[in-house]
Amino acid sequence: MYAIVEIAGQQFKVEKGKKLYVHRLNAEEGMQVEFSKIMLAEDNGKVSVGKPYLEGAKITAKVLKHVKGDKILVFKKKRRNGYRKLNGHRQLFSQIEVEQITI
């Protein structure tokens, strides 16, 4: 059984017990969170497609921890002008574990 779900503006394929990193959620570590924007669900060969989302379907997950991603360096330069700019960025993520998929 798997589902395609929209979490924080991104789409993920989730299965029970799967761990994934999503953009930082506004929840404490160890809390349960529910997602109801499920676009597609498959259960033993039976595929359900939403228009755009499935009615009454939800996914329950547990927030394991909050982490920072790898540092990304953004370098800008204009030749022959002496213009150089270096910026760094670290995205904030939450690691979640899918506990239940309800269709």
PDB file of N, CA and C in Angstrom:
ATOM      1  N   MET A   1       0.839  -1.172   0.000  1.00  0.00           N
ATOM      2  CA  MET A   1       0.000   0.000   0.000  1.00  0.00           C
ATOM      3  C   MET A   1       0.886   1.238   0.000  1.00  0.00           C
ATOM      4  N   TYR A   2       0.586   2.154  -0.909  1.00  0.00           N
ATOM      5  CA  TYR A   2       1.320   3.407  -0.941  1.00  0.00           C
ATOM      6  C   TYR A   2       0.368   4.529  -1.327  1.00  0.00           C
ATOM      7  N   ALA A   3       0.856   5.763  -1.168  1.00  0.00           N
ATOM      8  CA  ALA A   3       0.039   6.928  -1.501  1.00  0.00           C
ATOM      9  C   ALA A   3       0.951   8.053  -1.967  1.00  0.00           C
ATOM     10  N   ILE A   4       0.397   8.929  -2.790  1.00  0.00           N
ATOM     11  CA  ILE A   4       1.073  10.157  -3.193  1.00  0.00           C
ATOM     12  C   ILE A   4       0.400  11.277  -2.419  1.00  0.00           C
ATOM     13  N   VAL A   5       1.196  11.991  -1.611  1.00  0.00           N
ATOM     14  CA  VAL A   5       0.640  13.006  -0.723  1.00  0.00           C
ATOM     15  C   VAL A   5       1.396  14.325  -0.905  1.00  0.00           C
ATOM     16  N   GLU A   6       0.679  15.422  -0.714  1.00  0.00           N
ATOM     17  CA  GLU A   6       1.289  16.747  -0.780  1.00  0.00           C
ATOM     18  C   GLU A   6       1.560  17.224   0.645  1.00  0.00           C
ATOM     19  N   ILE A   7       2.840  17.476   0.937  1.00  0.00           N
ATOM     20  CA  ILE A   7       3.260  17.954   2.249  1.00  0.00           C
ATOM     21  C   ILE A   7       4.079  19.214   2.044  1.00  0.00           C
ATOM     22  N   ALA A   8       3.621  20.322   2.594  1.00  0.00           N
ATOM     23  CA  ALA A   8       4.326  21.607   2.523  1.00  0.00           C
ATOM     24  C   ALA A   8       4.675  21.988   1.084  1.00  0.00           C
ATOM     25  N   GLY A   9       3.732  21.771   0.158  1.00  0.00           N
ATOM     26  CA  GLY A   9       3.922  22.189  -1.219  1.00  0.00           C
ATOM     27  C   GLY A   9       4.704  21.222  -2.087  1.00  0.00           C
ATOM     28  N   GLN A  10       5.142  20.093  -1.544  1.00  0.00           N
ATOM     29  CA  GLN A  10       5.872  19.099  -2.320  1.00  0.00           C
ATOM     30  C   GLN A  10       5.126  17.774  -2.291  1.00  0.00           C
ATOM     31  N   GLN A  11       5.304  16.966  -3.340  1.00  0.00           N
ATOM     32  CA  GLN A  11       4.633  15.676  -3.432  1.00  0.00           C
ATOM     33  C   GLN A  11       5.611  14.558  -3.079  1.00  0.00           C
ATOM     34  N   PHE A  12       5.135  13.612  -2.272  1.00  0.00           N
ATOM     35  CA  PHE A  12       5.953  12.491  -1.834  1.00  0.00           C
ATOM     36  C   PHE A  12       5.182  11.191  -2.024  1.00  0.00           C
ATOM     37  N   LYS A  13       5.914  10.121  -2.359  1.00  0.00           N
ATOM     38  CA  LYS A  13       5.341   8.778  -2.371  1.00  0.00           C
ATOM     39  C   LYS A  13       5.652   8.171  -1.011  1.00  0.00           C
ATOM     40  N   VAL A  14       4.613   7.818  -0.250  1.00  0.00           N
ATOM     41  CA  VAL A  14       4.807   7.323   1.106  1.00  0.00           C
ATOM     42  C   VAL A  14       4.238   5.918   1.257  1.00  0.00           C
ATOM     43  N   GLU A  15       4.869   5.164   2.129  1.00  0.00           N
ATOM     44  CA  GLU A  15       4.408   3.838   2.509  1.00  0.00           C
ATOM     45  C   GLU A  15       4.502   3.745   4.022  1.00  0.00           C
ATOM     46  N   LYS A  16       3.806   2.794   4.602  1.00  0.00           N
ATOM     47  CA  LYS A  16       3.838   2.621   6.049  1.00  0.00           C
ATOM     48  C   LYS A  16       5.255   2.249   6.490  1.00  0.00           C
ATOM     49  N   GLY A  17       5.750   2.963   7.505  1.00  0.00           N
ATOM     50  CA  GLY A  17       7.080   2.714   8.033  1.00  0.00           C
ATOM     51  C   GLY A  17       8.193   3.469   7.327  1.00  0.00           C
ATOM     52  N   LYS A  18       7.887   4.181   6.255  1.00  0.00           N
ATOM     53  CA  LYS A  18       8.900   4.902   5.502  1.00  0.00           C
ATOM     54  C   LYS A  18       9.260   6.208   6.205  1.00  0.00           C
ATOM     55  N   LYS A  19      10.563   6.526   6.245  1.00  0.00           N
ATOM     56  CA  LYS A  19      11.044   7.779   6.825  1.00  0.00           C
ATOM     57  C   LYS A  19      11.420   8.714   5.690  1.00  0.00           C
ATOM     58  N   LEU A  20      11.051   9.995   5.825  1.00  0.00           N
ATOM     59  CA  LEU A  20      11.398  10.960   4.805  1.00  0.00           C
ATOM     60  C   LEU A  20      11.605  12.329   5.414  1.00  0.00           C
ATOM     61  N   TYR A  21      12.316  13.160   4.677  1.00  0.00           N
ATOM     62  CA  TYR A  21      12.593  14.528   5.092  1.00  0.00           C
ATOM     63  C   TYR A  21      11.674  15.469   4.332  1.00  0.00           C
ATOM     64  N   VAL A  22      10.968  16.336   5.070  1.00  0.00           N
ATOM     65  CA  VAL A  22      10.075  17.324   4.475  1.00  0.00           C
ATOM     66  C   VAL A  22      10.495  18.691   4.994  1.00  0.00           C
ATOM     67  N   HIS A  23      10.006  19.746   4.347  1.00  0.00           N
ATOM     68  CA  HIS A  23      10.298  21.082   4.847  1.00  0.00           C
ATOM     69  C   HIS A  23       9.819  21.197   6.289  1.00  0.00           C
ATOM     70  N   ARG A  24      10.484  22.028   7.075  1.00  0.00           N
ATOM     71  CA  ARG A  24      10.242  22.131   8.517  1.00  0.00           C
ATOM     72  C   ARG A  24       8.755  22.265   8.826  1.00  0.00           C
ATOM     73  N   LEU A  25       8.259  21.367   9.662  1.00  0.00           N
ATOM     74  CA  LEU A  25       6.867  21.378  10.099  1.00  0.00           C
ATOM     75  C   LEU A  25       6.763  22.117  11.426  1.00  0.00           C
ATOM     76  N   ASN A  26       5.628  22.698  11.662  1.00  0.00           N
ATOM     77  CA  ASN A  26       5.391  23.443  12.895  1.00  0.00           C
ATOM     78  C   ASN A  26       4.843  22.491  13.954  1.00  0.00           C
ATOM     79  N   ALA A  27       5.669  21.524  14.366  1.00  0.00           N
ATOM     80  CA  ALA A  27       5.270  20.528  15.355  1.00  0.00           C
ATOM     81  C   ALA A  27       6.497  20.136  16.165  1.00  0.00           C
ATOM     82  N   GLU A  28       6.271  19.750  17.408  1.00  0.00           N
ATOM     83  CA  GLU A  28       7.368  19.321  18.277  1.00  0.00           C
ATOM     84  C   GLU A  28       7.828  17.912  17.889  1.00  0.00           C
ATOM     85  N   GLU A  29       9.054  17.582  18.289  1.00  0.00           N
ATOM     86  CA  GLU A  29       9.568  16.237  18.062  1.00  0.00           C
ATOM     87  C   GLU A  29       8.749  15.240  18.868  1.00  0.00           C
ATOM     88  N   GLY A  30       8.385  14.128  18.256  1.00  0.00           N
ATOM     89  CA  GLY A  30       7.590  13.106  18.909  1.00  0.00           C
ATOM     90  C   GLY A  30       6.091  13.276  18.741  1.00  0.00           C
ATOM     91  N   MET A  31       5.645  14.398  18.175  1.00  0.00           N
ATOM     92  CA  MET A  31       4.210  14.640  17.983  1.00  0.00           C
ATOM     93  C   MET A  31       3.686  13.903  16.755  1.00  0.00           C
ATOM     94  N   GLN A  32       2.392  13.623  16.779  1.00  0.00           N
ATOM     95  CA  GLN A  32       1.694  13.030  15.638  1.00  0.00           C
ATOM     96  C   GLN A  32       1.201  14.166  14.736  1.00  0.00           C
ATOM     97  N   VAL A  33       1.335  13.988  13.438  1.00  0.00           N
ATOM     98  CA  VAL A  33       0.805  14.952  12.471  1.00  0.00           C
ATOM     99  C   VAL A  33      -0.035  14.184  11.450  1.00  0.00           C
ATOM    100  N   GLU A  34      -1.034  14.868  10.897  1.00  0.00           N
ATOM    101  CA  GLU A  34      -1.907  14.254   9.898  1.00  0.00           C
ATOM    102  C   GLU A  34      -1.860  15.072   8.620  1.00  0.00           C
ATOM    103  N   PHE A  35      -1.872  14.381   7.497  1.00  0.00           N
ATOM    104  CA  PHE A  35      -1.897  15.014   6.190  1.00  0.00           C
ATOM    105  C   PHE A  35      -3.118  14.495   5.445  1.00  0.00           C
ATOM    106  N   SER A  36      -3.905  15.421   4.887  1.00  0.00           N
ATOM    107  CA  SER A  36      -5.138  15.003   4.219  1.00  0.00           C
ATOM    108  C   SER A  36      -5.130  15.291   2.719  1.00  0.00           C
ATOM    109  N   LYS A  37      -4.058  15.889   2.199  1.00  0.00           N
ATOM    110  CA  LYS A  37      -3.983  16.190   0.772  1.00  0.00           C
ATOM    111  C   LYS A  37      -3.382  14.998   0.030  1.00  0.00           C
ATOM    112  N   ILE A  38      -4.164  13.932  -0.071  1.00  0.00           N
ATOM    113  CA  ILE A  38      -3.716  12.708  -0.731  1.00  0.00           C
ATOM    114  C   ILE A  38      -4.258  12.706  -2.158  1.00  0.00           C
ATOM    115  N   MET A  39      -3.354  12.586  -3.114  1.00  0.00           N
ATOM    116  CA  MET A  39      -3.735  12.664  -4.516  1.00  0.00           C
ATOM    117  C   MET A  39      -4.018  11.300  -5.129  1.00  0.00           C
ATOM    118  N   LEU A  40      -3.298  10.280  -4.661  1.00  0.00           N
ATOM    119  CA  LEU A  40      -3.445   8.946  -5.226  1.00  0.00           C
ATOM    120  C   LEU A  40      -3.147   7.933  -4.136  1.00  0.00           C
ATOM    121  N   ALA A  41      -3.886   6.840  -4.138  1.00  0.00           N
ATOM    122  CA  ALA A  41      -3.644   5.771  -3.168  1.00  0.00           C
ATOM    123  C   ALA A  41      -3.793   4.430  -3.870  1.00  0.00           C
ATOM    124  N   GLU A  42      -2.937   3.479  -3.503  1.00  0.00           N
ATOM    125  CA  GLU A  42      -2.975   2.140  -4.067  1.00  0.00           C
ATOM    126  C   GLU A  42      -3.045   1.142  -2.929  1.00  0.00           C
ATOM    127  N   ASP A  43      -4.020   0.228  -3.000  1.00  0.00           N
ATOM    128  CA  ASP A  43      -4.193  -0.783  -1.961  1.00  0.00           C
ATOM    129  C   ASP A  43      -4.472  -2.122  -2.624  1.00  0.00           C
ATOM    130  N   ASN A  44      -3.497  -3.021  -2.614  1.00  0.00           N
ATOM    131  CA  ASN A  44      -3.617  -4.359  -3.200  1.00  0.00           C
ATOM    132  C   ASN A  44      -4.087  -4.333  -4.658  1.00  0.00           C
ATOM    133  N   GLY A  45      -3.475  -3.481  -5.460  1.00  0.00           N
ATOM    134  CA  GLY A  45      -3.810  -3.411  -6.878  1.00  0.00           C
ATOM    135  C   GLY A  45      -4.961  -2.485  -7.213  1.00  0.00           C
ATOM    136  N   LYS A  46      -5.690  -1.995  -6.227  1.00  0.00           N
ATOM    137  CA  LYS A  46      -6.808  -1.077  -6.461  1.00  0.00           C
ATOM    138  C   LYS A  46      -6.289   0.353  -6.310  1.00  0.00           C
ATOM    139  N   VAL A  47      -6.341   1.116  -7.396  1.00  0.00           N
ATOM    140  CA  VAL A  47      -5.811   2.474  -7.409  1.00  0.00           C
ATOM    141  C   VAL A  47      -6.963   3.469  -7.321  1.00  0.00           C
ATOM    142  N   SER A  48      -6.852   4.421  -6.389  1.00  0.00           N
ATOM    143  CA  SER A  48      -7.839   5.496  -6.243  1.00  0.00           C
ATOM    144  C   SER A  48      -7.154   6.815  -6.556  1.00  0.00           C
ATOM    145  N   VAL A  49      -7.774   7.593  -7.443  1.00  0.00           N
ATOM    146  CA  VAL A  49      -7.204   8.877  -7.847  1.00  0.00           C
ATOM    147  C   VAL A  49      -8.164   9.975  -7.430  1.00  0.00           C
ATOM    148  N   GLY A  50      -7.629  11.022  -6.797  1.00  0.00           N
ATOM    149  CA  GLY A  50      -8.449  12.135  -6.354  1.00  0.00           C
ATOM    150  C   GLY A  50      -8.590  13.206  -7.409  1.00  0.00           C
ATOM    151  N   LYS A  51      -9.570  14.086  -7.216  1.00  0.00           N
ATOM    152  CA  LYS A  51      -9.821  15.200  -8.138  1.00  0.00           C
ATOM    153  C   LYS A  51      -9.957  16.499  -7.361  1.00  0.00           C
ATOM    154  N   PRO A  52      -8.962  17.178  -6.896  1.00  0.00           N
ATOM    155  CA  PRO A  52      -7.546  16.833  -6.934  1.00  0.00           C
ATOM    156  C   PRO A  52      -7.114  15.948  -5.761  1.00  0.00           C
ATOM    157  N   TYR A  53      -7.929  15.892  -4.674  1.00  0.00           N
ATOM    158  CA  TYR A  53      -7.547  15.102  -3.505  1.00  0.00           C
ATOM    159  C   TYR A  53      -8.626  14.057  -3.202  1.00  0.00           C
ATOM    160  N   LEU A  54      -8.235  12.987  -2.528  1.00  0.00           N
ATOM    161  CA  LEU A  54      -9.187  11.960  -2.123  1.00  0.00           C
ATOM    162  C   LEU A  54      -9.970  12.436  -0.904  1.00  0.00           C
ATOM    163  N   GLU A  55     -11.276  12.196  -0.909  1.00  0.00           N
ATOM    164  CA  GLU A  55     -12.128  12.584   0.205  1.00  0.00           C
ATOM    165  C   GLU A  55     -12.002  11.574   1.345  1.00  0.00           C
ATOM    166  N   GLY A  56     -11.826  12.059   2.559  1.00  0.00           N
ATOM    167  CA  GLY A  56     -11.799  11.205   3.739  1.00  0.00           C
ATOM    168  C   GLY A  56     -10.511  10.429   3.955  1.00  0.00           C
ATOM    169  N   ALA A  57      -9.549  10.579   3.079  1.00  0.00           N
ATOM    170  CA  ALA A  57      -8.277   9.866   3.234  1.00  0.00           C
ATOM    171  C   ALA A  57      -7.315  10.719   4.051  1.00  0.00           C
ATOM    172  N   LYS A  58      -6.476  10.049   4.843  1.00  0.00           N
ATOM    173  CA  LYS A  58      -5.485  10.786   5.630  1.00  0.00           C
ATOM    174  C   LYS A  58      -4.282   9.902   5.907  1.00  0.00           C
ATOM    175  N   ILE A  59      -3.187  10.563   6.200  1.00  0.00           N
ATOM    176  CA  ILE A  59      -1.948   9.880   6.549  1.00  0.00           C
ATOM    177  C   ILE A  59      -1.512  10.386   7.909  1.00  0.00           C
ATOM    178  N   THR A  60      -1.208   9.467   8.806  1.00  0.00           N
ATOM    179  CA  THR A  60      -0.731   9.810  10.139  1.00  0.00           C
ATOM    180  C   THR A  60       0.763   9.521  10.194  1.00  0.00           C
ATOM    181  N   ALA A  61       1.523  10.517  10.680  1.00  0.00           N
ATOM    182  CA  ALA A  61       2.974  10.366  10.763  1.00  0.00           C
ATOM    183  C   ALA A  61       3.463  10.922  12.097  1.00  0.00           C
ATOM    184  N   LYS A  62       4.666  10.539  12.453  1.00  0.00           N
ATOM    185  CA  LYS A  62       5.289  10.987  13.697  1.00  0.00           C
ATOM    186  C   LYS A  62       6.537  11.784  13.347  1.00  0.00           C
ATOM    187  N   VAL A  63       6.697  12.959  13.971  1.00  0.00           N
ATOM    188  CA  VAL A  63       7.877  13.787  13.757  1.00  0.00           C
ATOM    189  C   VAL A  63       9.015  13.195  14.583  1.00  0.00           C
ATOM    190  N   LEU A  64      10.072  12.740  13.911  1.00  0.00           N
ATOM    191  CA  LEU A  64      11.197  12.132  14.609  1.00  0.00           C
ATOM    192  C   LEU A  64      12.185  13.178  15.106  1.00  0.00           C
ATOM    193  N   LYS A  65      12.599  14.094  14.213  1.00  0.00           N
ATOM    194  CA  LYS A  65      13.537  15.136  14.625  1.00  0.00           C
ATOM    195  C   LYS A  65      13.545  16.260  13.603  1.00  0.00           C
ATOM    196  N   HIS A  66      14.094  17.404  14.035  1.00  0.00           N
ATOM    197  CA  HIS A  66      14.283  18.557  13.164  1.00  0.00           C
ATOM    198  C   HIS A  66      15.772  18.667  12.868  1.00  0.00           C
ATOM    199  N   VAL A  67      16.112  18.831  11.596  1.00  0.00           N
ATOM    200  CA  VAL A  67      17.515  18.888  11.186  1.00  0.00           C
ATOM    201  C   VAL A  67      17.722  20.026  10.192  1.00  0.00           C
ATOM    202  N   LYS A  68      18.999  20.321   9.937  1.00  0.00           N
ATOM    203  CA  LYS A  68      19.369  21.263   8.894  1.00  0.00           C
ATOM    204  C   LYS A  68      19.988  20.489   7.745  1.00  0.00           C
ATOM    205  N   GLY A  69      19.732  20.924   6.532  1.00  0.00           N
ATOM    206  CA  GLY A  69      20.298  20.273   5.362  1.00  0.00           C
ATOM    207  C   GLY A  69      21.740  20.690   5.142  1.00  0.00           C
ATOM    208  N   ASP A  70      22.335  20.192   4.074  1.00  0.00           N
ATOM    209  CA  ASP A  70      23.699  20.555   3.717  1.00  0.00           C
ATOM    210  C   ASP A  70      23.764  22.017   3.309  1.00  0.00           C
ATOM    211  N   LYS A  71      24.933  22.629   3.523  1.00  0.00           N
ATOM    212  CA  LYS A  71      25.111  24.023   3.148  1.00  0.00           C
ATOM    213  C   LYS A  71      25.235  24.128   1.629  1.00  0.00           C
ATOM    214  N   ILE A  72      24.504  25.080   1.083  1.00  0.00           N
ATOM    215  CA  ILE A  72      24.550  25.355  -0.344  1.00  0.00           C
ATOM    216  C   ILE A  72      25.191  26.724  -0.515  1.00  0.00           C
ATOM    217  N   LEU A  73      26.230  26.799  -1.340  1.00  0.00           N
ATOM    218  CA  LEU A  73      26.906  28.063  -1.593  1.00  0.00           C
ATOM    219  C   LEU A  73      26.408  28.656  -2.903  1.00  0.00           C
ATOM    220  N   VAL A  74      26.046  29.952  -2.855  1.00  0.00           N
ATOM    221  CA  VAL A  74      25.593  30.679  -4.032  1.00  0.00           C
ATOM    222  C   VAL A  74      26.642  31.733  -4.323  1.00  0.00           C
ATOM    223  N   PHE A  75      27.299  31.639  -5.482  1.00  0.00           N
ATOM    224  CA  PHE A  75      28.379  32.553  -5.835  1.00  0.00           C
ATOM    225  C   PHE A  75      27.988  33.331  -7.077  1.00  0.00           C
ATOM    226  N   LYS A  76      28.059  34.660  -6.988  1.00  0.00           N
ATOM    227  CA  LYS A  76      27.753  35.513  -8.125  1.00  0.00           C
ATOM    228  C   LYS A  76      29.012  36.296  -8.489  1.00  0.00           C
ATOM    229  N   LYS A  77      29.215  36.492  -9.791  1.00  0.00           N
ATOM    230  CA  LYS A  77      30.391  37.224 -10.238  1.00  0.00           C
ATOM    231  C   LYS A  77      30.092  37.911 -11.557  1.00  0.00           C
ATOM    232  N   LYS A  78      30.603  39.127 -11.703  1.00  0.00           N
ATOM    233  CA  LYS A  78      30.537  39.828 -12.982  1.00  0.00           C
ATOM    234  C   LYS A  78      31.975  40.065 -13.432  1.00  0.00           C
ATOM    235  N   ARG A  79      32.291  39.554 -14.560  1.00  0.00           N
ATOM    236  CA  ARG A  79      33.674  39.625 -15.010  1.00  0.00           C
ATOM    237  C   ARG A  79      34.102  41.062 -15.311  1.00  0.00           C
ATOM    238  N   ARG A  80      35.357  41.311 -15.075  1.00  0.00           N
ATOM    239  CA  ARG A  80      36.028  42.596 -15.332  1.00  0.00           C
ATOM    240  C   ARG A  80      35.470  43.749 -14.507  1.00  0.00           C
ATOM    241  N   ASN A  81      34.605  43.490 -13.511  1.00  0.00           N
ATOM    242  CA  ASN A  81      34.069  44.567 -12.690  1.00  0.00           C
ATOM    243  C   ASN A  81      34.491  44.454 -11.236  1.00  0.00           C
ATOM    244  N   GLY A  82      35.122  43.362 -10.864  1.00  0.00           N
ATOM    245  CA  GLY A  82      35.525  43.172  -9.476  1.00  0.00           C
ATOM    246  C   GLY A  82      34.345  42.856  -8.560  1.00  0.00           C
ATOM    247  N   TYR A  83      33.201  42.486  -9.144  1.00  0.00           N
ATOM    248  CA  TYR A  83      32.012  42.176  -8.340  1.00  0.00           C
ATOM    249  C   TYR A  83      31.977  40.691  -8.044  1.00  0.00           C
ATOM    250  N   ARG A  84      32.030  40.349  -6.758  1.00  0.00           N
ATOM    251  CA  ARG A  84      31.900  38.961  -6.318  1.00  0.00           C
ATOM    252  C   ARG A  84      31.027  38.938  -5.073  1.00  0.00           C
ATOM    253  N   LYS A  85      30.120  37.991  -5.021  1.00  0.00           N
ATOM    254  CA  LYS A  85      29.214  37.864  -3.887  1.00  0.00           C
ATOM    255  C   LYS A  85      29.071  36.393  -3.535  1.00  0.00           C
ATOM    256  N   LEU A  86      29.262  36.038  -2.269  1.00  0.00           N
ATOM    257  CA  LEU A  86      29.142  34.661  -1.820  1.00  0.00           C
ATOM    258  C   LEU A  86      28.085  34.605  -0.732  1.00  0.00           C
ATOM    259  N   ASN A  87      27.097  33.749  -0.945  1.00  0.00           N
ATOM    260  CA  ASN A  87      26.019  33.553   0.015  1.00  0.00           C
ATOM    261  C   ASN A  87      25.942  32.087   0.382  1.00  0.00           C
ATOM    262  N   GLY A  88      25.599  31.794   1.619  1.00  0.00           N
ATOM    263  CA  GLY A  88      25.396  30.419   2.038  1.00  0.00           C
ATOM    264  C   GLY A  88      23.967  30.235   2.528  1.00  0.00           C
ATOM    265  N   HIS A  89      23.474  28.983   2.421  1.00  0.00           N
ATOM    266  CA  HIS A  89      22.093  28.703   2.838  1.00  0.00           C
ATOM    267  C   HIS A  89      22.008  27.270   3.340  1.00  0.00           C
ATOM    268  N   ARG A  90      21.291  27.072   4.447  1.00  0.00           N
ATOM    269  CA  ARG A  90      21.004  25.723   4.954  1.00  0.00           C
ATOM    270  C   ARG A  90      19.506  25.610   5.162  1.00  0.00           C
ATOM    271  N   GLN A  91      18.874  24.697   4.440  1.00  0.00           N
ATOM    272  CA  GLN A  91      17.433  24.502   4.530  1.00  0.00           C
ATOM    273  C   GLN A  91      17.095  23.745   5.818  1.00  0.00           C
ATOM    274  N   LEU A  92      15.972  24.093   6.424  1.00  0.00           N
ATOM    275  CA  LEU A  92      15.494  23.423   7.623  1.00  0.00           C
ATOM    276  C   LEU A  92      14.530  22.306   7.224  1.00  0.00           C
ATOM    277  N   PHE A  93      14.747  21.110   7.776  1.00  0.00           N
ATOM    278  CA  PHE A  93      13.923  19.951   7.461  1.00  0.00           C
ATOM    279  C   PHE A  93      13.385  19.308   8.727  1.00  0.00           C
ATOM    280  N   SER A  94      12.320  18.542   8.570  1.00  0.00           N
ATOM    281  CA  SER A  94      11.799  17.683   9.632  1.00  0.00           C
ATOM    282  C   SER A  94      11.821  16.254   9.103  1.00  0.00           C
ATOM    283  N   GLN A  95      12.285  15.323   9.930  1.00  0.00           N
ATOM    284  CA  GLN A  95      12.254  13.914   9.543  1.00  0.00           C
ATOM    285  C   GLN A  95      10.994  13.307  10.136  1.00  0.00           C
ATOM    286  N   ILE A  96      10.178  12.689   9.272  1.00  0.00           N
ATOM    287  CA  ILE A  96       8.937  12.075   9.738  1.00  0.00           C
ATOM    288  C   ILE A  96       8.940  10.600   9.375  1.00  0.00           C
ATOM    289  N   GLU A  97       8.144   9.826  10.116  1.00  0.00           N
ATOM    290  CA  GLU A  97       7.959   8.405   9.825  1.00  0.00           C
ATOM    291  C   GLU A  97       6.468   8.169   9.669  1.00  0.00           C
ATOM    292  N   VAL A  98       6.075   7.590   8.534  1.00  0.00           N
ATOM    293  CA  VAL A  98       4.659   7.317   8.255  1.00  0.00           C
ATOM    294  C   VAL A  98       4.210   6.134   9.112  1.00  0.00           C
ATOM    295  N   GLU A  99       3.148   6.339   9.886  1.00  0.00           N
ATOM    296  CA  GLU A  99       2.652   5.282  10.749  1.00  0.00           C
ATOM    297  C   GLU A  99       1.415   4.592  10.197  1.00  0.00           C
ATOM    298  N   GLN A 100       0.541   5.371   9.532  1.00  0.00           N
ATOM    299  CA  GLN A 100      -0.715   4.774   9.058  1.00  0.00           C
ATOM    300  C   GLN A 100      -1.221   5.519   7.846  1.00  0.00           C
ATOM    301  N   ILE A 101      -1.768   4.761   6.879  1.00  0.00           N
ATOM    302  CA  ILE A 101      -2.430   5.324   5.715  1.00  0.00           C
ATOM    303  C   ILE A 101      -3.884   4.858   5.755  1.00  0.00           C
ATOM    304  N   THR A 102      -4.798   5.820   5.820  1.00  0.00           N
ATOM    305  CA  THR A 102      -6.231   5.507   5.875  1.00  0.00           C
ATOM    306  C   THR A 102      -6.885   6.017   4.606  1.00  0.00           C
ATOM    307  N   ILE A 103      -7.553   5.102   3.890  1.00  0.00           N
ATOM    308  CA  ILE A 103      -8.227   5.490   2.643  1.00  0.00           C
ATOM    309  C   ILE A 103      -9.727   5.525   2.871  1.00  0.00           C
TER     310      ILE A 103
END
